[in-house]
């Protein structure tokens, strides 16, 4: 199947009822006809369902769909994007290990990784994550490199192929958060990533009606290296599926951050229109960015799709000149930024991205409020900076709302 077809039909089998949507299974446990059958499910000898915290038919349908559209081996869902990141990272790392990450991460992800130090894990943040900086930062304790395809809200674009080659050379796991770009724009597994993560609350869902996260496992042989001794029993039994097998058997089972069946159903519904929505998001965002770039009241516009962006060549290399639906701009002061926000009528001031509706936020006082001033500077978060997630409304109405809000700023 090609991409658009996979969004609708990928890994989906119509059941005996003939239902064309995956049914919502709201049972929290499942009865079995024999003790032997339930024993086999718990010991992994056979497929089946025992308890929805561990697996659920609706949730499995969503996981299989996401694995299909990312060209992954398997997928594991979670209750939120943040829980997906935590599960994926802690599935790999142990005390004494080291993680290398980009500075240009979403504020919550930055804080999560920073706080891994309390578990005895060393953390290195790189101002620019590239081939040269990574080669210098790697040591014998490095086990994981974490980055976003396009940083949020720094909008720095990762040159994923040379980074993945360094990780492959040193047998280090490369984990990519692709929430900002989605598999419509890029499939990181095809460029050398080992694991891909999405906050499904954003573009995958598309309408802000549920929270969730997904971890897609690309498989591979890195886990068989002696430095990943915590994977040894799973490598012997499950081979290339050892990452997912360990995740579902240990931290994913123990902590219990399960995606709800209803959220899985809403995400399955949303993902079918992903390509149509992303095309409009990208088109509208470029037009809004060009409008802002020409407006004298805007001191700086950051959108990788603009010809003036230092990341424009990477956008052409990986993203076919479509740079996603997020841009940032600066107004000169926090007071001007707040005045602009308070005058908007169509664009909503709230903490999310990837909605069909245009939404905006002041990152410094909200999603990055728990970060220090030094960390904010590393992340490109300034007091006068606003992040706009451009929706799929008529672009003339989006620009018109911004125009009227700028009149008195």
Protein backbone atom coordinates (compact mmCIF):
# COMPACT_ATOMS: atom_id res chain seq x y z
CA UNK A 1 0.00 0.00 0.00
CA UNK A 2 1.03 3.59 -0.61
CA UNK A 3 0.94 6.14 2.23
CA UNK A 4 -2.61 7.52 1.92
CA UNK A 5 -4.02 4.01 1.60
CA UNK A 6 -2.09 2.84 4.67
CA UNK A 7 -3.62 5.65 6.72
CA UNK A 8 -7.03 4.08 6.14
CA UNK A 9 -6.37 0.37 5.56
CA UNK A 10 -2.94 -0.33 7.08
CA UNK A 11 -2.93 -3.50 9.19
CA UNK A 12 -6.74 -3.50 9.41
CA UNK A 13 -8.84 -6.62 9.07
CA UNK A 14 -12.63 -6.39 9.11
CA UNK A 15 -13.98 -8.74 11.80
CA UNK A 16 -16.93 -11.10 11.60
CA UNK A 17 -19.39 -8.24 12.18
CA UNK A 18 -18.30 -6.43 9.01
CA UNK A 19 -17.63 -3.19 10.93
CA UNK A 20 -15.42 -0.84 8.93
CA UNK A 21 -14.23 0.97 12.08
CA UNK A 22 -12.36 -0.81 14.86
CA UNK A 23 -14.90 -1.53 17.63
CA UNK A 24 -14.35 0.14 21.01
CA UNK A 25 -13.69 -2.60 23.55
CA UNK A 26 -14.46 -1.06 26.94
CA UNK A 27 -13.93 -4.26 28.92
CA UNK A 28 -11.07 -4.08 31.40
CA UNK A 29 -10.58 -7.87 31.55
CA UNK A 30 -11.25 -10.92 29.38
CA UNK A 31 -12.65 -14.35 30.28
CA UNK A 32 -11.08 -17.56 28.98
CA UNK A 33 -12.43 -21.07 28.62
CA UNK A 34 -9.46 -22.80 30.16
CA UNK A 35 -6.79 -22.13 32.77
CA UNK A 36 -4.19 -23.38 30.29
CA UNK A 37 -5.16 -20.75 27.72
CA UNK A 38 -4.85 -17.88 30.19
CA UNK A 39 -1.53 -19.27 31.39
CA UNK A 40 -0.22 -19.33 27.82
CA UNK A 41 -1.24 -15.69 27.32
CA UNK A 42 0.56 -14.57 30.48
CA UNK A 43 3.72 -16.51 29.62
CA UNK A 44 3.74 -15.24 26.05
CA UNK A 45 3.23 -18.61 24.40
CA UNK A 46 0.10 -17.44 22.60
CA UNK A 47 -1.58 -14.20 21.59
CA UNK A 48 -4.63 -13.07 23.50
CA UNK A 49 -6.09 -10.57 25.94
CA UNK A 50 -6.10 -10.72 29.73
CA UNK A 51 -6.29 -7.17 31.11
CA UNK A 52 -6.67 -3.83 29.31
CA UNK A 53 -3.74 -2.25 31.17
CA UNK A 54 -1.58 -4.75 29.30
CA UNK A 55 -3.41 -4.94 25.96
CA UNK A 56 -6.78 -4.14 24.45
CA UNK A 57 -8.17 -4.98 20.98
CA UNK A 58 -8.97 -1.35 20.06
CA UNK A 59 -5.59 -0.16 21.28
CA UNK A 60 -3.80 -2.95 19.43
CA UNK A 61 -5.61 -1.88 16.24
CA UNK A 62 -4.21 1.62 16.64
CA UNK A 63 -0.71 0.34 17.40
CA UNK A 64 -0.75 -1.85 14.30
CA UNK A 65 -1.95 1.06 12.14
CA UNK A 66 0.84 3.32 13.38
CA UNK A 67 3.48 0.63 12.86
CA UNK A 68 2.19 0.26 9.31
CA UNK A 69 2.31 3.94 8.35
CA UNK A 70 5.77 4.43 9.91
CA UNK A 71 7.09 1.23 8.24
CA UNK A 72 8.01 -0.03 11.70
CA UNK A 73 8.23 -3.52 13.11
CA UNK A 74 5.78 -2.95 15.97
CA UNK A 75 4.34 -0.18 18.13
CA UNK A 76 3.47 0.43 21.78
CA UNK A 77 0.92 3.05 22.82
CA UNK A 78 0.84 5.14 25.99
CA UNK A 79 -1.54 7.43 27.85
CA UNK A 80 0.26 10.57 26.66
CA UNK A 81 3.19 11.73 24.56
CA UNK A 82 5.25 12.40 27.70
CA UNK A 83 4.61 8.91 29.06
CA UNK A 84 5.64 7.49 25.67
CA UNK A 85 8.95 9.37 25.85
CA UNK A 86 9.56 8.26 29.43
CA UNK A 87 8.78 4.61 28.68
CA UNK A 88 10.96 4.53 25.57
CA UNK A 89 13.96 6.15 27.27
CA UNK A 90 13.77 4.12 30.48
CA UNK A 91 13.38 0.92 28.47
CA UNK A 92 16.98 1.47 27.36
CA UNK A 93 18.81 3.29 30.15
CA UNK A 94 20.18 2.08 33.48
CA UNK A 95 22.06 3.90 36.27
CA UNK A 96 25.53 4.83 35.08
CA UNK A 97 24.43 5.15 31.45
CA UNK A 98 24.49 8.41 29.50
CA UNK A 99 21.99 10.09 27.20
CA UNK A 100 22.83 12.80 24.65
CA UNK A 101 20.03 15.13 23.60
CA UNK A 102 19.47 18.25 21.56
CA UNK A 103 18.86 21.53 23.42
CA UNK A 104 16.05 22.39 21.03
CA UNK A 105 13.47 20.09 22.62
CA UNK A 106 9.92 20.71 23.77
CA UNK A 107 10.09 22.13 27.32
CA UNK A 108 8.50 19.08 28.95
CA UNK A 109 10.88 16.71 27.15
CA UNK A 110 13.87 18.84 28.14
CA UNK A 111 12.78 18.75 31.79
CA UNK A 112 12.09 15.01 31.72
CA UNK A 113 15.56 14.26 30.33
CA UNK A 114 17.25 16.74 32.67
CA UNK A 115 15.60 15.02 35.66
CA UNK A 116 17.02 11.61 34.67
CA UNK A 117 20.07 12.64 36.68
CA UNK A 118 18.16 11.70 39.84
CA UNK A 119 18.21 8.07 38.56
CA UNK A 120 22.00 8.10 38.24
CA UNK A 121 21.88 8.71 34.49
CA UNK A 122 24.28 11.28 33.04
CA UNK A 123 22.72 13.83 30.69
CA UNK A 124 24.43 15.86 27.96
CA UNK A 125 22.55 18.57 26.07
CA UNK A 126 24.15 19.75 22.82
CA UNK A 127 23.55 23.26 21.49
CA UNK A 128 23.64 21.84 17.97
CA UNK A 129 23.20 18.11 17.51
CA UNK A 130 25.15 17.18 14.39
CA UNK A 131 27.77 14.72 13.22
CA UNK A 132 30.72 16.66 14.65
CA UNK A 133 29.23 17.55 18.05
CA UNK A 134 27.90 14.02 18.55
CA UNK A 135 31.23 12.38 17.73
CA UNK A 136 32.90 14.54 20.37
CA UNK A 137 30.21 13.90 23.00
CA UNK A 138 30.01 10.09 22.78
CA UNK A 139 31.87 8.03 25.37
CA UNK A 140 31.86 4.43 26.64
CA UNK A 141 28.74 5.06 28.77
CA UNK A 142 26.60 6.58 26.01
CA UNK A 143 23.59 4.40 25.29
CA UNK A 144 21.00 6.74 23.75
CA UNK A 145 20.73 9.82 21.52
CA UNK A 146 17.42 11.68 21.66
CA UNK A 147 16.27 14.42 19.29
CA UNK A 148 13.24 15.90 17.56
CA UNK A 149 12.94 16.00 13.77
CA UNK A 150 12.12 19.70 14.07
CA UNK A 151 12.56 21.25 17.51
CA UNK A 152 9.60 22.68 19.40
CA UNK A 153 9.63 25.67 19.59
CA UNK A 154 13.24 26.30 18.47
CA UNK A 155 12.39 24.91 15.00
CA UNK A 156 15.93 23.62 14.49
CA UNK A 157 15.98 20.90 11.81
CA UNK A 158 17.88 17.69 12.53
CA UNK A 159 20.16 16.40 9.76
CA UNK A 160 19.19 12.87 10.68
CA UNK A 161 21.27 10.76 8.26
CA UNK A 162 24.81 11.73 9.40
CA UNK A 163 23.69 11.59 13.04
CA UNK A 164 22.24 8.10 12.52
CA UNK A 165 25.48 6.96 10.87
CA UNK A 166 27.48 7.99 13.94
CA UNK A 167 24.99 6.15 16.16
CA UNK A 168 25.25 3.06 13.98
CA UNK A 169 29.06 3.17 14.06
CA UNK A 170 29.06 3.26 17.87
CA UNK A 171 26.03 0.95 18.24
CA UNK A 172 24.03 3.60 20.10
CA UNK A 173 20.23 3.78 20.02
CA UNK A 174 18.85 6.78 18.11
CA UNK A 175 15.40 7.84 19.32
CA UNK A 176 13.49 10.48 17.36
CA UNK A 177 10.41 12.43 18.42
CA UNK A 178 8.58 13.05 15.13
CA UNK A 179 5.47 14.72 16.57
CA UNK A 180 6.11 17.99 14.71
CA UNK A 181 6.55 16.39 11.31
CA UNK A 182 4.44 13.18 11.34
CA UNK A 183 5.00 10.29 8.90
CA UNK A 184 3.40 12.44 6.19
CA UNK A 185 6.58 14.53 6.05
CA UNK A 186 9.25 12.06 7.14
CA UNK A 187 9.68 8.47 8.30
CA UNK A 188 12.78 8.61 10.53
CA UNK A 189 13.23 4.83 10.50
CA UNK A 190 14.06 5.08 6.79
CA UNK A 191 16.89 7.51 7.65
CA UNK A 192 18.53 5.39 10.35
CA UNK A 193 16.51 6.01 13.52
CA UNK A 194 15.88 3.01 15.79
CA UNK A 195 12.76 4.24 17.60
CA UNK A 196 10.19 6.89 16.67
CA UNK A 197 7.84 8.61 19.12
CA UNK A 198 4.69 10.69 18.57
CA UNK A 199 2.46 12.60 20.89
CA UNK A 200 -0.72 11.41 19.18
CA UNK A 201 -2.60 14.27 20.89
CA UNK A 202 -1.26 16.52 18.13
CA UNK A 203 -1.39 15.90 14.35
CA UNK A 204 -2.15 12.17 14.53
CA UNK A 205 -5.43 12.89 16.30
CA UNK A 206 -5.88 16.27 14.62
CA UNK A 207 -8.85 17.64 16.55
CA UNK A 208 -7.67 17.90 20.19
CA UNK A 209 -10.21 15.39 21.47
CA UNK A 210 -7.88 12.88 23.15
CA UNK A 211 -4.47 12.45 24.77
CA UNK A 212 -2.02 9.73 23.80
CA UNK A 213 1.44 8.68 22.72
CA UNK A 214 2.95 6.00 20.49
CA UNK A 215 6.39 4.35 20.32
CA UNK A 216 7.32 2.72 17.00
CA UNK A 217 10.08 0.14 17.05
CA UNK A 218 12.19 -0.17 13.91
CA UNK A 219 13.85 -3.39 15.04
CA UNK A 220 17.56 -3.96 14.49
CA UNK A 221 20.56 -5.70 15.99
CA UNK A 222 22.01 -2.98 18.25
CA UNK A 223 20.34 -4.48 21.32
CA UNK A 224 22.48 -7.60 20.96
CA UNK A 225 25.64 -5.58 21.69
CA UNK A 226 27.23 -6.35 25.06
CA UNK A 227 26.67 -2.78 26.29
CA UNK A 228 22.91 -3.51 26.35
CA UNK A 229 23.10 -6.46 28.73
CA UNK A 230 19.62 -5.56 30.06
CA UNK A 231 18.23 -6.71 26.70
CA UNK A 232 20.04 -10.07 26.65
CA UNK A 233 17.11 -12.37 27.58
CA UNK A 234 14.84 -10.60 25.08
CA UNK A 235 17.37 -10.71 22.26
CA UNK A 236 17.71 -14.48 22.71
CA UNK A 237 13.97 -14.99 22.55
CA UNK A 238 12.64 -12.21 20.31
CA UNK A 239 15.60 -11.10 18.15
CA UNK A 240 14.87 -7.86 16.30
CA UNK A 241 11.70 -7.35 18.33
CA UNK A 242 13.60 -7.22 21.63
CA UNK A 243 12.96 -3.48 22.25
CA UNK A 244 9.18 -3.94 22.08
CA UNK A 245 9.25 -7.26 23.93
CA UNK A 246 11.19 -5.78 26.85
CA UNK A 247 9.04 -2.63 26.87
CA UNK A 248 5.76 -4.56 27.04
CA UNK A 249 7.12 -7.07 29.56
CA UNK A 250 8.75 -4.65 32.02
CA UNK A 251 8.25 -0.89 32.38
CA UNK A 252 5.19 -0.72 30.11
CA UNK A 253 3.45 -3.41 32.17
CA UNK A 254 4.72 -2.26 35.58
CA UNK A 255 3.89 1.45 35.42
CA UNK A 256 0.60 0.97 33.58
CA UNK A 257 0.32 4.18 31.49
CA UNK A 258 -2.17 2.53 29.13
CA UNK A 259 -3.93 4.38 26.34
CA UNK A 260 -7.69 4.21 26.80
CA UNK A 261 -9.68 2.25 24.18
CA UNK A 262 -11.76 5.33 23.43
CA UNK A 263 -8.64 7.45 22.80
CA UNK A 264 -7.32 4.72 20.50
CA UNK A 265 -10.60 4.82 18.56
CA UNK A 266 -10.46 8.64 18.23
CA UNK A 267 -6.84 8.43 17.04
CA UNK A 268 -7.74 5.76 14.48
CA UNK A 269 -10.44 8.09 13.18
CA UNK A 270 -8.08 11.07 13.09
CA UNK A 271 -5.14 9.38 11.40
CA UNK A 272 -7.19 8.57 8.28
CA UNK A 273 -7.17 12.26 7.27
CA UNK A 274 -3.56 12.97 8.29
CA UNK A 275 -2.22 13.52 4.76
CA UNK A 276 -5.08 15.82 3.76
CA UNK A 277 -4.67 17.90 6.91
CA UNK A 278 -0.88 18.11 6.80
CA UNK A 279 -0.93 19.33 3.22
CA UNK A 280 -3.17 22.24 4.25
CA UNK A 281 -1.20 22.93 7.45
CA UNK A 282 2.04 23.21 5.47
CA UNK A 283 0.53 25.38 2.73
CA UNK A 284 -1.15 27.78 5.17
CA UNK A 285 1.90 28.04 7.43
CA UNK A 286 4.19 29.08 4.59
CA UNK A 287 1.74 31.80 3.55
CA UNK A 288 1.40 33.08 7.12
CA UNK A 289 5.21 33.03 7.55
CA UNK A 290 5.67 35.11 4.41
CA UNK A 291 3.04 37.58 5.62
CA UNK A 292 4.77 37.96 8.99
CA UNK A 293 8.19 38.28 7.34
CA UNK A 294 6.89 41.27 5.39
CA UNK A 295 5.30 42.96 8.42
CA UNK A 296 7.45 45.69 9.97
CA UNK A 297 6.01 45.13 13.46
CA UNK A 298 7.50 41.62 13.59
CA UNK A 299 11.13 41.62 14.68
CA UNK A 300 11.86 38.00 13.70
CA UNK A 301 10.06 35.10 12.01
CA UNK A 302 11.29 31.53 12.39
CA UNK A 303 9.94 28.98 9.94
CA UNK A 304 12.26 26.45 8.26
CA UNK A 305 10.18 26.58 5.08
CA UNK A 306 11.17 30.21 4.40
CA UNK A 307 13.95 30.70 1.86
CA UNK A 308 15.69 32.93 4.42
CA UNK A 309 15.92 30.12 7.02
CA UNK A 310 19.32 28.54 7.65
CA UNK A 311 17.53 25.18 7.68
CA UNK A 312 15.91 25.62 4.28
CA UNK A 313 18.38 23.25 2.57
CA UNK A 314 17.54 20.51 5.10
CA UNK A 315 13.84 21.07 4.45
CA UNK A 316 14.47 20.48 0.75
CA UNK A 317 16.58 17.41 1.55
CA UNK A 318 14.14 15.63 3.86
CA UNK A 319 10.73 17.29 3.57
CA UNK A 320 10.11 18.07 -0.12
CA UNK A 321 9.85 21.79 0.65
CA UNK A 322 7.02 21.27 3.16
CA UNK A 323 8.14 22.36 6.62
CA UNK A 324 5.20 21.53 8.88
CA UNK A 325 2.53 23.61 10.55
CA UNK A 326 4.44 25.48 13.30
CA UNK A 327 6.18 28.85 13.21
CA UNK A 328 7.40 31.31 15.81
CA UNK A 329 7.74 35.07 15.72
CA UNK A 330 8.92 37.86 18.01
CA UNK A 331 7.25 41.17 18.79
CA UNK A 332 9.96 43.00 20.75
CA UNK A 333 8.66 42.59 24.32
CA UNK A 334 6.50 40.38 26.50
CA UNK A 335 4.00 43.24 26.86
CA UNK A 336 3.55 43.48 23.09
CA UNK A 337 3.23 39.71 22.82
CA UNK A 338 0.48 39.66 25.47
CA UNK A 339 -1.28 42.63 23.87
CA UNK A 340 -1.31 40.77 20.56
CA UNK A 341 -2.64 37.57 22.16
CA UNK A 342 -5.42 39.43 23.95
CA UNK A 343 -6.69 40.99 20.70
CA UNK A 344 -6.99 37.78 18.69
CA UNK A 345 -10.54 36.73 17.83
CA UNK A 346 -10.20 33.62 15.65
CA UNK A 347 -6.85 32.15 16.73
CA UNK A 348 -7.12 30.41 20.10
CA UNK A 349 -4.65 30.93 22.96
CA UNK A 350 -4.04 27.44 24.34
CA UNK A 351 -1.35 24.83 24.95
CA UNK A 352 -1.42 22.39 22.06
CA UNK A 353 -0.35 22.03 18.44
CA UNK A 354 -1.60 20.08 15.45
CA UNK A 355 -5.27 20.96 15.72
CA UNK A 356 -7.40 21.76 12.68
CA UNK A 357 -7.89 25.13 14.41
CA UNK A 358 -5.14 27.77 14.55
CA UNK A 359 -3.74 28.01 18.08
CA UNK A 360 -1.07 30.18 19.64
CA UNK A 361 0.87 30.34 22.89
CA UNK A 362 3.51 32.35 24.73
CA UNK A 363 6.00 29.54 25.53
CA UNK A 364 8.13 31.38 28.10
CA UNK A 365 5.24 31.89 30.55
CA UNK A 366 3.51 28.55 29.91
CA UNK A 367 5.01 25.34 28.47
CA UNK A 368 8.58 26.43 29.40
CA UNK A 369 7.72 28.08 32.72
CA UNK A 370 9.50 25.27 34.63
CA UNK A 371 12.74 25.82 32.74
CA UNK A 372 15.49 28.14 33.94
CA UNK A 373 16.37 31.28 32.01
CA UNK A 374 19.56 29.60 30.80
CA UNK A 375 17.58 26.60 29.53
CA UNK A 376 15.09 28.89 27.79
CA UNK A 377 17.93 30.58 25.93
CA UNK A 378 19.23 27.15 24.84
CA UNK A 379 15.75 26.23 23.61
CA UNK A 380 15.29 29.53 21.74
CA UNK A 381 12.48 30.65 24.04
CA UNK A 382 12.41 34.42 24.53
CA UNK A 383 10.04 36.69 26.46
CA UNK A 384 8.68 38.23 23.27
CA UNK A 385 8.35 34.94 21.33
CA UNK A 386 5.01 33.45 20.28
CA UNK A 387 4.46 29.96 18.81
CA UNK A 388 1.70 29.61 16.25
CA UNK A 389 0.24 26.27 15.17
CA UNK A 390 -1.43 27.18 11.88
CA UNK A 391 -4.75 25.46 11.28
CA UNK A 392 -6.58 24.50 8.12
CA UNK A 393 -9.02 27.41 8.06
CA UNK A 394 -9.02 29.70 5.02
CA UNK A 395 -5.62 31.33 5.24
CA UNK A 396 -7.09 34.77 4.50
CA UNK A 397 -9.05 34.56 7.75
CA UNK A 398 -5.97 33.52 9.74
CA UNK A 399 -3.93 36.42 8.35
CA UNK A 400 -6.86 38.81 8.80
CA UNK A 401 -7.11 37.97 12.49
CA UNK A 402 -3.39 38.53 12.98
CA UNK A 403 -3.57 41.79 11.04
CA UNK A 404 -6.30 43.25 13.21
CA UNK A 405 -4.50 42.14 16.40
CA UNK A 406 -1.28 43.83 15.21
CA UNK A 407 -2.98 47.17 14.50
CA UNK A 408 -2.62 48.46 18.06
CA UNK A 409 0.64 46.69 18.94
